[in-house]
């Protein structure tokens, strides 16, 4: 009996060791892929010249850098993927995110998202972090449909993102992360839905971003929400392109550890859009080119760049 027990214990230890090594192997594989992708982009960007200097009428601030990729692929700037999320699911999320930014077919993006949400539901992730992941994934699917001009399919996904973010708030209060995760899809819905919804909910987007910054003055996503509200709309709707550029410059100063790929893209495109709205074509072109180093197939950046060349 003792010898059988000893053999069983040995087999059990070997099995545990093998499983542990398999998980470590997966982690190394995913990290190697992420570092390879990051190094590829860094190599391309090393050939990019410095940003063009601002003319005096824009302000005294300058962009000394185009920003750079973080060595850590976080869910949000400074927010790592939740505990309990396994390397294959992290890789699947990043693939989903990149497909959205490369304007892959929304049907494919939606199928990826549904599959990933199902996989995540079976992992040992806290309820609030499940809500966080659902909010981010639903937002990405909504963005995919919206980028392909199908607002009827985009709206339900943005609504799902809002509902998930509200669950986060119910569970852990109005944290900076929950507030920005709520504000982003709410801003999209304010544009896509009727005037009544816009009047009621539009102002909340800025309020949520401001509240997030009160709690965390260096919250990059909140600053980008503020900057976007200044960079994209016409002046009658709150556009202030010089102030937008100054805000983006402040974000780059905060982002000392780099930014996730999608966030860095949003920042560069926002800067390019603000310059374009100021009729500074050379500056806008430079920043759209910088954005396309990250996502070469992005339709918005490509189309805006084409307009500037006309």
C-alpha atoms as a PDB file:
ATOM      1  CA  UNK A   1       0.000   0.000   0.000  1.00  0.00           C
ATOM      2  CA  UNK A   2       2.789   2.417   0.966  1.00  0.00           C
ATOM      3  CA  UNK A   3       4.615   1.796  -2.317  1.00  0.00           C
ATOM      4  CA  UNK A   4       1.385   2.370  -4.291  1.00  0.00           C
ATOM      5  CA  UNK A   5       0.785   5.598  -2.391  1.00  0.00           C
ATOM      6  CA  UNK A   6       4.340   6.711  -3.072  1.00  0.00           C
ATOM      7  CA  UNK A   7       3.942   5.983  -6.792  1.00  0.00           C
ATOM      8  CA  UNK A   8       0.628   7.867  -6.835  1.00  0.00           C
ATOM      9  CA  UNK A   9       2.204  10.872  -5.092  1.00  0.00           C
ATOM     10  CA  UNK A  10       5.069  10.835  -7.589  1.00  0.00           C
ATOM     11  CA  UNK A  11       2.686  10.684 -10.569  1.00  0.00           C
ATOM     12  CA  UNK A  12       0.600  13.507  -9.082  1.00  0.00           C
ATOM     13  CA  UNK A  13       3.667  15.690  -8.582  1.00  0.00           C
ATOM     14  CA  UNK A  14       4.824  15.023 -12.142  1.00  0.00           C
ATOM     15  CA  UNK A  15       1.361  15.888 -13.502  1.00  0.00           C
ATOM     16  CA  UNK A  16       1.272  19.156 -11.539  1.00  0.00           C
ATOM     17  CA  UNK A  17       4.776  20.017 -12.753  1.00  0.00           C
ATOM     18  CA  UNK A  18       3.868  19.318 -16.397  1.00  0.00           C
ATOM     19  CA  UNK A  19       0.712  21.450 -16.164  1.00  0.00           C
ATOM     20  CA  UNK A  20       2.683  24.286 -14.591  1.00  0.00           C
ATOM     21  CA  UNK A  21       5.283  24.122 -17.349  1.00  0.00           C
ATOM     22  CA  UNK A  22       2.556  24.140 -19.994  1.00  0.00           C
ATOM     23  CA  UNK A  23       1.106  27.348 -18.531  1.00  0.00           C
ATOM     24  CA  UNK A  24       4.553  28.922 -18.304  1.00  0.00           C
ATOM     25  CA  UNK A  25       5.176  27.917 -21.928  1.00  0.00           C
ATOM     26  CA  UNK A  26       1.924  29.565 -22.993  1.00  0.00           C
ATOM     27  CA  UNK A  27       2.831  32.725 -21.095  1.00  0.00           C
ATOM     28  CA  UNK A  28       6.281  32.847 -22.674  1.00  0.00           C
ATOM     29  CA  UNK A  29       4.751  32.259 -26.113  1.00  0.00           C
ATOM     30  CA  UNK A  30       2.242  35.101 -25.722  1.00  0.00           C
ATOM     31  CA  UNK A  31       4.836  37.479 -24.264  1.00  0.00           C
ATOM     32  CA  UNK A  32       7.248  36.620 -27.087  1.00  0.00           C
ATOM     33  CA  UNK A  33       4.548  37.388 -29.644  1.00  0.00           C
ATOM     34  CA  UNK A  34       3.699  40.699 -27.973  1.00  0.00           C
ATOM     35  CA  UNK A  35       7.353  41.726 -27.761  1.00  0.00           C
ATOM     36  CA  UNK A  36       7.889  40.742 -31.401  1.00  0.00           C
ATOM     37  CA  UNK A  37       4.929  42.886 -32.454  1.00  0.00           C
ATOM     38  CA  UNK A  38       6.161  45.789 -30.320  1.00  0.00           C
ATOM     39  CA  UNK A  39       9.712  45.517 -31.665  1.00  0.00           C
ATOM     40  CA  UNK A  40       8.394  45.484 -35.238  1.00  0.00           C
ATOM     41  CA  UNK A  41       6.538  48.755 -34.699  1.00  0.00           C
ATOM     42  CA  UNK A  42       9.492  50.308 -32.853  1.00  0.00           C
ATOM     43  CA  UNK A  43      11.769  49.423 -35.786  1.00  0.00           C
ATOM     44  CA  UNK A  44       9.423  51.144 -38.230  1.00  0.00           C
ATOM     45  CA  UNK A  45       9.105  54.192 -35.985  1.00  0.00           C
ATOM     46  CA  UNK A  46      12.853  54.565 -35.632  1.00  0.00           C
ATOM     47  CA  UNK A  47      12.803  55.706 -39.259  1.00  0.00           C
ATOM     48  CA  UNK A  48      10.176  58.383 -38.528  1.00  0.00           C
ATOM     49  CA  UNK A  49      11.466  61.944 -38.206  1.00  0.00           C
ATOM     50  CA  UNK A  50      10.682  64.150 -35.214  1.00  0.00           C
ATOM     51  CA  UNK A  51       7.241  65.806 -35.114  1.00  0.00           C
ATOM     52  CA  UNK A  52       7.031  69.133 -36.940  1.00  0.00           C
ATOM     53  CA  UNK A  53       7.245  72.194 -34.714  1.00  0.00           C
ATOM     54  CA  UNK A  54       4.137  74.157 -33.867  1.00  0.00           C
ATOM     55  CA  UNK A  55       3.828  77.601 -35.447  1.00  0.00           C
ATOM     56  CA  UNK A  56       3.668  80.481 -32.963  1.00  0.00           C
ATOM     57  CA  UNK A  57      -0.100  80.938 -33.341  1.00  0.00           C
ATOM     58  CA  UNK A  58      -0.768  77.461 -31.945  1.00  0.00           C
ATOM     59  CA  UNK A  59       0.956  78.099 -28.632  1.00  0.00           C
ATOM     60  CA  UNK A  60       4.249  77.803 -26.821  1.00  0.00           C
ATOM     61  CA  UNK A  61       4.037  74.037 -26.318  1.00  0.00           C
ATOM     62  CA  UNK A  62       5.665  71.549 -28.687  1.00  0.00           C
ATOM     63  CA  UNK A  63       5.463  67.824 -29.407  1.00  0.00           C
ATOM     64  CA  UNK A  64       8.951  66.544 -28.717  1.00  0.00           C
ATOM     65  CA  UNK A  65       7.871  62.944 -29.231  1.00  0.00           C
ATOM     66  CA  UNK A  66       5.242  60.945 -31.078  1.00  0.00           C
ATOM     67  CA  UNK A  67       4.822  58.740 -28.005  1.00  0.00           C
ATOM     68  CA  UNK A  68       5.859  55.115 -27.799  1.00  0.00           C
ATOM     69  CA  UNK A  69       4.463  51.692 -27.068  1.00  0.00           C
ATOM     70  CA  UNK A  70       4.412  50.424 -23.523  1.00  0.00           C
ATOM     71  CA  UNK A  71       6.503  47.325 -22.886  1.00  0.00           C
ATOM     72  CA  UNK A  72       3.456  45.949 -21.042  1.00  0.00           C
ATOM     73  CA  UNK A  73       0.319  45.276 -23.064  1.00  0.00           C
ATOM     74  CA  UNK A  74      -2.242  46.526 -20.540  1.00  0.00           C
ATOM     75  CA  UNK A  75      -6.008  46.416 -20.855  1.00  0.00           C
ATOM     76  CA  UNK A  76      -6.051  50.184 -20.320  1.00  0.00           C
ATOM     77  CA  UNK A  77      -3.113  52.524 -19.630  1.00  0.00           C
ATOM     78  CA  UNK A  78      -1.728  51.435 -16.270  1.00  0.00           C
ATOM     79  CA  UNK A  79      -4.493  48.828 -15.828  1.00  0.00           C
ATOM     80  CA  UNK A  80      -3.198  45.277 -16.362  1.00  0.00           C
ATOM     81  CA  UNK A  81      -5.356  42.418 -17.541  1.00  0.00           C
ATOM     82  CA  UNK A  82      -7.335  41.014 -14.587  1.00  0.00           C
ATOM     83  CA  UNK A  83      -6.008  38.313 -12.341  1.00  0.00           C
ATOM     84  CA  UNK A  84      -7.315  34.958 -13.517  1.00  0.00           C
ATOM     85  CA  UNK A  85      -7.249  35.874 -17.217  1.00  0.00           C
ATOM     86  CA  UNK A  86      -5.051  33.298 -18.940  1.00  0.00           C
ATOM     87  CA  UNK A  87      -2.463  34.050 -21.674  1.00  0.00           C
ATOM     88  CA  UNK A  88      -4.566  32.608 -24.548  1.00  0.00           C
ATOM     89  CA  UNK A  89      -7.468  34.887 -23.607  1.00  0.00           C
ATOM     90  CA  UNK A  90      -5.142  37.897 -23.341  1.00  0.00           C
ATOM     91  CA  UNK A  91      -3.839  37.101 -26.829  1.00  0.00           C
ATOM     92  CA  UNK A  92      -7.419  36.710 -28.106  1.00  0.00           C
ATOM     93  CA  UNK A  93      -8.383  40.103 -26.670  1.00  0.00           C
ATOM     94  CA  UNK A  94      -5.395  41.809 -28.285  1.00  0.00           C
ATOM     95  CA  UNK A  95      -6.186  40.141 -31.610  1.00  0.00           C
ATOM     96  CA  UNK A  96      -9.788  41.341 -31.350  1.00  0.00           C
ATOM     97  CA  UNK A  97      -8.661  44.871 -30.521  1.00  0.00           C
ATOM     98  CA  UNK A  98      -6.200  44.988 -33.413  1.00  0.00           C
ATOM     99  CA  UNK A  99      -8.778  43.615 -35.854  1.00  0.00           C
ATOM    100  CA  UNK A 100     -11.139  46.439 -34.888  1.00  0.00           C
ATOM    101  CA  UNK A 101      -8.463  49.072 -35.456  1.00  0.00           C
ATOM    102  CA  UNK A 102      -7.479  47.459 -38.757  1.00  0.00           C
ATOM    103  CA  UNK A 103     -11.152  47.597 -39.797  1.00  0.00           C
ATOM    104  CA  UNK A 104     -11.674  43.862 -40.197  1.00  0.00           C
ATOM    105  CA  UNK A 105     -15.178  42.735 -41.183  1.00  0.00           C
ATOM    106  CA  UNK A 106     -17.509  43.484 -38.237  1.00  0.00           C
ATOM    107  CA  UNK A 107     -19.194  40.091 -38.588  1.00  0.00           C
ATOM    108  CA  UNK A 108     -15.827  38.464 -37.917  1.00  0.00           C
ATOM    109  CA  UNK A 109     -15.101  40.812 -35.009  1.00  0.00           C
ATOM    110  CA  UNK A 110     -18.486  40.065 -33.454  1.00  0.00           C
ATOM    111  CA  UNK A 111     -17.945  36.308 -33.749  1.00  0.00           C
ATOM    112  CA  UNK A 112     -14.529  36.671 -32.098  1.00  0.00           C
ATOM    113  CA  UNK A 113     -16.043  38.716 -29.282  1.00  0.00           C
ATOM    114  CA  UNK A 114     -18.872  36.279 -28.589  1.00  0.00           C
ATOM    115  CA  UNK A 115     -16.386  33.403 -28.436  1.00  0.00           C
ATOM    116  CA  UNK A 116     -14.030  35.328 -26.147  1.00  0.00           C
ATOM    117  CA  UNK A 117     -16.807  36.385 -23.767  1.00  0.00           C
ATOM    118  CA  UNK A 118     -17.862  32.758 -23.452  1.00  0.00           C
ATOM    119  CA  UNK A 119     -14.311  31.673 -22.673  1.00  0.00           C
ATOM    120  CA  UNK A 120     -13.839  34.439 -20.117  1.00  0.00           C
ATOM    121  CA  UNK A 121     -17.037  33.506 -18.283  1.00  0.00           C
ATOM    122  CA  UNK A 122     -15.497  30.169 -17.296  1.00  0.00           C
ATOM    123  CA  UNK A 123     -12.282  31.657 -15.876  1.00  0.00           C
ATOM    124  CA  UNK A 124     -11.684  32.499 -12.192  1.00  0.00           C
ATOM    125  CA  UNK A 125     -12.102  36.246 -12.696  1.00  0.00           C
ATOM    126  CA  UNK A 126     -13.912  38.453 -10.174  1.00  0.00           C
ATOM    127  CA  UNK A 127     -17.423  39.684 -11.011  1.00  0.00           C
ATOM    128  CA  UNK A 128     -16.295  43.302 -11.302  1.00  0.00           C
ATOM    129  CA  UNK A 129     -13.424  42.359 -13.614  1.00  0.00           C
ATOM    130  CA  UNK A 130     -15.784  40.229 -15.715  1.00  0.00           C
ATOM    131  CA  UNK A 131     -17.900  43.379 -16.088  1.00  0.00           C
ATOM    132  CA  UNK A 132     -14.802  45.409 -17.012  1.00  0.00           C
ATOM    133  CA  UNK A 133     -13.813  42.938 -19.716  1.00  0.00           C
ATOM    134  CA  UNK A 134     -17.359  42.756 -21.059  1.00  0.00           C
ATOM    135  CA  UNK A 135     -17.523  46.555 -21.219  1.00  0.00           C
ATOM    136  CA  UNK A 136     -14.272  46.780 -23.181  1.00  0.00           C
ATOM    137  CA  UNK A 137     -15.121  43.940 -25.549  1.00  0.00           C
ATOM    138  CA  UNK A 138     -18.645  45.222 -26.199  1.00  0.00           C
ATOM    139  CA  UNK A 139     -17.258  48.701 -26.863  1.00  0.00           C
ATOM    140  CA  UNK A 140     -14.834  47.298 -29.425  1.00  0.00           C
ATOM    141  CA  UNK A 141     -17.589  45.410 -31.265  1.00  0.00           C
ATOM    142  CA  UNK A 142     -19.754  48.527 -31.287  1.00  0.00           C
ATOM    143  CA  UNK A 143     -16.848  50.465 -32.708  1.00  0.00           C
ATOM    144  CA  UNK A 144     -16.326  47.842 -35.422  1.00  0.00           C
ATOM    145  CA  UNK A 145     -19.944  48.086 -36.581  1.00  0.00           C
ATOM    146  CA  UNK A 146     -19.935  51.875 -36.329  1.00  0.00           C
ATOM    147  CA  UNK A 147     -16.724  52.158 -38.354  1.00  0.00           C
ATOM    148  CA  UNK A 148     -18.531  50.200 -41.072  1.00  0.00           C
ATOM    149  CA  UNK A 149     -21.513  52.607 -40.937  1.00  0.00           C
ATOM    150  CA  UNK A 150     -24.002  50.164 -39.404  1.00  0.00           C
ATOM    151  CA  UNK A 151     -25.334  52.070 -36.423  1.00  0.00           C
ATOM    152  CA  UNK A 152     -28.266  49.697 -35.912  1.00  0.00           C
ATOM    153  CA  UNK A 153     -25.825  46.906 -35.055  1.00  0.00           C
ATOM    154  CA  UNK A 154     -23.414  49.215 -33.244  1.00  0.00           C
ATOM    155  CA  UNK A 155     -25.962  50.630 -30.793  1.00  0.00           C
ATOM    156  CA  UNK A 156     -26.824  47.356 -28.964  1.00  0.00           C
ATOM    157  CA  UNK A 157     -23.143  46.663 -28.364  1.00  0.00           C
ATOM    158  CA  UNK A 158     -22.487  50.160 -27.050  1.00  0.00           C
ATOM    159  CA  UNK A 159     -25.552  49.763 -24.821  1.00  0.00           C
ATOM    160  CA  UNK A 160     -24.145  46.473 -23.550  1.00  0.00           C
ATOM    161  CA  UNK A 161     -20.855  48.225 -22.773  1.00  0.00           C
ATOM    162  CA  UNK A 162     -22.698  50.912 -20.795  1.00  0.00           C
ATOM    163  CA  UNK A 163     -24.662  48.284 -18.849  1.00  0.00           C
ATOM    164  CA  UNK A 164     -21.475  46.372 -18.000  1.00  0.00           C
ATOM    165  CA  UNK A 165     -19.750  49.570 -16.847  1.00  0.00           C
ATOM    166  CA  UNK A 166     -22.738  50.414 -14.667  1.00  0.00           C
ATOM    167  CA  UNK A 167     -22.473  46.955 -13.092  1.00  0.00           C
ATOM    168  CA  UNK A 168     -18.864  47.757 -12.271  1.00  0.00           C
ATOM    169  CA  UNK A 169     -19.963  50.945 -10.538  1.00  0.00           C
ATOM    170  CA  UNK A 170     -22.651  49.088  -8.595  1.00  0.00           C
ATOM    171  CA  UNK A 171     -20.017  46.611  -7.413  1.00  0.00           C
ATOM    172  CA  UNK A 172     -17.059  48.855  -6.602  1.00  0.00           C
ATOM    173  CA  UNK A 173     -18.263  52.452  -6.816  1.00  0.00           C
ATOM    174  CA  UNK A 174     -17.235  55.214  -9.204  1.00  0.00           C
ATOM    175  CA  UNK A 175     -13.592  54.301  -9.684  1.00  0.00           C
ATOM    176  CA  UNK A 176     -11.616  56.149 -12.388  1.00  0.00           C
ATOM    177  CA  UNK A 177     -11.525  52.969 -14.488  1.00  0.00           C
ATOM    178  CA  UNK A 178     -15.276  52.386 -14.223  1.00  0.00           C
ATOM    179  CA  UNK A 179     -16.006  56.023 -15.080  1.00  0.00           C
ATOM    180  CA  UNK A 180     -13.926  56.080 -18.270  1.00  0.00           C
ATOM    181  CA  UNK A 181     -15.201  52.652 -19.321  1.00  0.00           C
ATOM    182  CA  UNK A 182     -18.728  54.057 -18.939  1.00  0.00           C
ATOM    183  CA  UNK A 183     -18.017  57.402 -20.604  1.00  0.00           C
ATOM    184  CA  UNK A 184     -16.533  56.018 -23.824  1.00  0.00           C
ATOM    185  CA  UNK A 185     -19.540  54.001 -25.103  1.00  0.00           C
ATOM    186  CA  UNK A 186     -21.949  56.597 -23.709  1.00  0.00           C
ATOM    187  CA  UNK A 187     -20.251  59.181 -25.903  1.00  0.00           C
ATOM    188  CA  UNK A 188     -20.756  56.966 -28.955  1.00  0.00           C
ATOM    189  CA  UNK A 189     -24.428  56.445 -28.110  1.00  0.00           C
ATOM    190  CA  UNK A 190     -24.909  60.199 -27.695  1.00  0.00           C
ATOM    191  CA  UNK A 191     -23.838  60.631 -31.316  1.00  0.00           C
ATOM    192  CA  UNK A 192     -25.749  57.652 -32.731  1.00  0.00           C
ATOM    193  CA  UNK A 193     -29.071  57.988 -30.917  1.00  0.00           C
ATOM    194  CA  UNK A 194     -31.706  60.738 -31.046  1.00  0.00           C
ATOM    195  CA  UNK A 195     -31.427  64.364 -29.944  1.00  0.00           C
ATOM    196  CA  UNK A 196     -33.229  63.671 -26.677  1.00  0.00           C
ATOM    197  CA  UNK A 197     -30.622  61.076 -25.715  1.00  0.00           C
ATOM    198  CA  UNK A 198     -27.832  63.480 -26.679  1.00  0.00           C
ATOM    199  CA  UNK A 199     -29.256  66.307 -24.567  1.00  0.00           C
ATOM    200  CA  UNK A 200     -29.743  64.019 -21.563  1.00  0.00           C
ATOM    201  CA  UNK A 201     -26.540  61.992 -21.731  1.00  0.00           C
ATOM    202  CA  UNK A 202     -24.040  63.944 -23.821  1.00  0.00           C
ATOM    203  CA  UNK A 203     -22.925  66.225 -20.962  1.00  0.00           C
ATOM    204  CA  UNK A 204     -22.401  63.198 -18.713  1.00  0.00           C
ATOM    205  CA  UNK A 205     -19.444  62.053 -20.812  1.00  0.00           C
ATOM    206  CA  UNK A 206     -17.374  65.098 -19.888  1.00  0.00           C
ATOM    207  CA  UNK A 207     -18.619  64.939 -16.309  1.00  0.00           C
ATOM    208  CA  UNK A 208     -17.503  61.329 -15.939  1.00  0.00           C
ATOM    209  CA  UNK A 209     -14.095  62.160 -17.423  1.00  0.00           C
ATOM    210  CA  UNK A 210     -13.729  65.126 -15.058  1.00  0.00           C
ATOM    211  CA  UNK A 211     -14.700  63.000 -12.075  1.00  0.00           C
ATOM    212  CA  UNK A 212     -12.173  60.350 -13.085  1.00  0.00           C
ATOM    213  CA  UNK A 213      -9.490  63.054 -13.210  1.00  0.00           C
ATOM    214  CA  UNK A 214     -10.473  64.339  -9.778  1.00  0.00           C
ATOM    215  CA  UNK A 215      -9.828  60.844  -8.447  1.00  0.00           C
ATOM    216  CA  UNK A 216      -6.777  60.194 -10.630  1.00  0.00           C
ATOM    217  CA  UNK A 217      -5.245  63.362 -12.158  1.00  0.00           C
ATOM    218  CA  UNK A 218      -3.001  61.279 -14.439  1.00  0.00           C
ATOM    219  CA  UNK A 219      -5.738  59.051 -15.864  1.00  0.00           C
ATOM    220  CA  UNK A 220      -4.745  58.925 -19.519  1.00  0.00           C
ATOM    221  CA  UNK A 221      -8.058  57.596 -20.871  1.00  0.00           C
ATOM    222  CA  UNK A 222      -9.926  60.425 -19.136  1.00  0.00           C
ATOM    223  CA  UNK A 223      -7.555  63.004 -20.610  1.00  0.00           C
ATOM    224  CA  UNK A 224      -8.019  61.488 -24.064  1.00  0.00           C
ATOM    225  CA  UNK A 225     -11.799  61.709 -23.709  1.00  0.00           C
ATOM    226  CA  UNK A 226     -11.377  65.400 -22.899  1.00  0.00           C
ATOM    227  CA  UNK A 227      -9.000  65.919 -25.816  1.00  0.00           C
ATOM    228  CA  UNK A 228     -11.257  64.109 -28.303  1.00  0.00           C
ATOM    229  CA  UNK A 229     -14.190  66.323 -27.334  1.00  0.00           C
ATOM    230  CA  UNK A 230     -12.032  69.290 -28.366  1.00  0.00           C
ATOM    231  CA  UNK A 231     -10.313  67.818 -31.454  1.00  0.00           C
ATOM    232  CA  UNK A 232     -13.185  66.397 -33.509  1.00  0.00           C
ATOM    233  CA  UNK A 233     -16.376  68.523 -33.361  1.00  0.00           C
ATOM    234  CA  UNK A 234     -16.808  71.925 -35.003  1.00  0.00           C
ATOM    235  CA  UNK A 235     -16.419  74.961 -32.716  1.00  0.00           C
ATOM    236  CA  UNK A 236     -20.187  75.336 -32.395  1.00  0.00           C
ATOM    237  CA  UNK A 237     -20.257  71.905 -30.703  1.00  0.00           C
ATOM    238  CA  UNK A 238     -17.309  72.568 -28.415  1.00  0.00           C
ATOM    239  CA  UNK A 239     -14.381  72.052 -30.762  1.00  0.00           C
ATOM    240  CA  UNK A 240     -11.248  73.911 -29.689  1.00  0.00           C
ATOM    241  CA  UNK A 241      -8.381  72.576 -31.751  1.00  0.00           C
ATOM    242  CA  UNK A 242      -5.515  74.483 -30.140  1.00  0.00           C
ATOM    243  CA  UNK A 243      -6.658  73.423 -26.687  1.00  0.00           C
ATOM    244  CA  UNK A 244      -7.008  69.856 -27.965  1.00  0.00           C
ATOM    245  CA  UNK A 245      -3.380  69.857 -29.104  1.00  0.00           C
ATOM    246  CA  UNK A 246      -2.225  71.267 -25.780  1.00  0.00           C
ATOM    247  CA  UNK A 247      -4.161  68.516 -23.980  1.00  0.00           C
ATOM    248  CA  UNK A 248      -2.631  65.804 -26.166  1.00  0.00           C
ATOM    249  CA  UNK A 249       0.831  67.249 -25.466  1.00  0.00           C
ATOM    250  CA  UNK A 250       0.094  66.981 -21.740  1.00  0.00           C
ATOM    251  CA  UNK A 251      -0.909  63.335 -22.182  1.00  0.00           C
ATOM    252  CA  UNK A 252       2.440  62.544 -23.792  1.00  0.00           C
ATOM    253  CA  UNK A 253       4.203  64.068 -20.793  1.00  0.00           C
ATOM    254  CA  UNK A 254       2.151  61.860 -18.453  1.00  0.00           C
ATOM    255  CA  UNK A 255       2.738  58.703 -20.508  1.00  0.00           C
ATOM    256  CA  UNK A 256       6.320  58.197 -19.356  1.00  0.00           C
ATOM    257  CA  UNK A 257       5.968  54.408 -19.492  1.00  0.00           C
ATOM    258  CA  UNK A 258       4.452  54.325 -22.967  1.00  0.00           C
ATOM    259  CA  UNK A 259       0.925  53.478 -24.075  1.00  0.00           C
ATOM    260  CA  UNK A 260      -1.006  50.445 -25.293  1.00  0.00           C
ATOM    261  CA  UNK A 261      -1.102  50.236 -29.080  1.00  0.00           C
ATOM    262  CA  UNK A 262      -4.754  51.275 -29.481  1.00  0.00           C
ATOM    263  CA  UNK A 263      -4.421  54.200 -27.072  1.00  0.00           C
ATOM    264  CA  UNK A 264      -1.271  55.459 -28.798  1.00  0.00           C
ATOM    265  CA  UNK A 265      -3.097  55.231 -32.129  1.00  0.00           C
ATOM    266  CA  UNK A 266      -6.077  57.196 -30.767  1.00  0.00           C
ATOM    267  CA  UNK A 267      -3.713  59.865 -29.477  1.00  0.00           C
ATOM    268  CA  UNK A 268      -1.856  60.238 -32.778  1.00  0.00           C
ATOM    269  CA  UNK A 269      -5.048  60.312 -34.826  1.00  0.00           C
ATOM    270  CA  UNK A 270      -6.542  62.876 -32.449  1.00  0.00           C
ATOM    271  CA  UNK A 271      -3.509  65.127 -32.864  1.00  0.00           C
ATOM    272  CA  UNK A 272      -3.669  64.701 -36.645  1.00  0.00           C
ATOM    273  CA  UNK A 273      -7.386  65.533 -36.684  1.00  0.00           C
ATOM    274  CA  UNK A 274      -6.890  68.691 -34.619  1.00  0.00           C
ATOM    275  CA  UNK A 275      -4.123  69.855 -36.976  1.00  0.00           C
ATOM    276  CA  UNK A 276      -6.305  69.031 -39.973  1.00  0.00           C
ATOM    277  CA  UNK A 277      -9.135  71.119 -38.531  1.00  0.00           C
ATOM    278  CA  UNK A 278      -6.644  73.978 -38.124  1.00  0.00           C
ATOM    279  CA  UNK A 279      -5.722  73.608 -41.833  1.00  0.00           C
ATOM    280  CA  UNK A 280      -2.138  72.692 -40.942  1.00  0.00           C
ATOM    281  CA  UNK A 281      -1.835  69.985 -43.578  1.00  0.00           C
ATOM    282  CA  UNK A 282       1.872  69.246 -43.155  1.00  0.00           C
ATOM    283  CA  UNK A 283       1.439  68.636 -39.421  1.00  0.00           C
ATOM    284  CA  UNK A 284      -1.721  66.590 -39.913  1.00  0.00           C
ATOM    285  CA  UNK A 285      -0.052  64.437 -42.572  1.00  0.00           C
ATOM    286  CA  UNK A 286       2.913  63.699 -40.317  1.00  0.00           C
ATOM    287  CA  UNK A 287       0.689  62.544 -37.458  1.00  0.00           C
ATOM    288  CA  UNK A 288      -1.632  60.458 -39.658  1.00  0.00           C
ATOM    289  CA  UNK A 289       1.486  58.763 -41.048  1.00  0.00           C
ATOM    290  CA  UNK A 290       2.644  58.108 -37.483  1.00  0.00           C
ATOM    291  CA  UNK A 291      -0.739  56.592 -36.635  1.00  0.00           C
ATOM    292  CA  UNK A 292      -0.646  54.328 -39.685  1.00  0.00           C
ATOM    293  CA  UNK A 293       2.670  52.884 -38.526  1.00  0.00           C
ATOM    294  CA  UNK A 294       0.604  51.249 -35.780  1.00  0.00           C
ATOM    295  CA  UNK A 295      -2.444  50.203 -37.808  1.00  0.00           C
ATOM    296  CA  UNK A 296      -1.638  50.491 -41.544  1.00  0.00           C
ATOM    297  CA  UNK A 297      -5.133  49.417 -42.670  1.00  0.00           C
ATOM    298  CA  UNK A 298      -7.127  51.851 -40.529  1.00  0.00           C
ATOM    299  CA  UNK A 299      -9.734  53.366 -42.820  1.00  0.00           C
ATOM    300  CA  UNK A 300     -10.210  56.659 -40.986  1.00  0.00           C
ATOM    301  CA  UNK A 301      -6.519  57.533 -40.937  1.00  0.00           C
ATOM    302  CA  UNK A 302      -6.071  56.462 -44.566  1.00  0.00           C
ATOM    303  CA  UNK A 303      -9.091  58.403 -45.826  1.00  0.00           C
ATOM    304  CA  UNK A 304      -8.123  61.561 -43.920  1.00  0.00           C
ATOM    305  CA  UNK A 305      -4.601  61.302 -45.277  1.00  0.00           C
ATOM    306  CA  UNK A 306      -5.951  61.006 -48.815  1.00  0.00           C
ATOM    307  CA  UNK A 307      -8.066  64.141 -48.317  1.00  0.00           C
ATOM    308  CA  UNK A 308      -4.973  66.070 -47.275  1.00  0.00           C
ATOM    309  CA  UNK A 309      -3.184  65.107 -50.490  1.00  0.00           C
ATOM    310  CA  UNK A 310      -5.943  66.489 -52.740  1.00  0.00           C
END
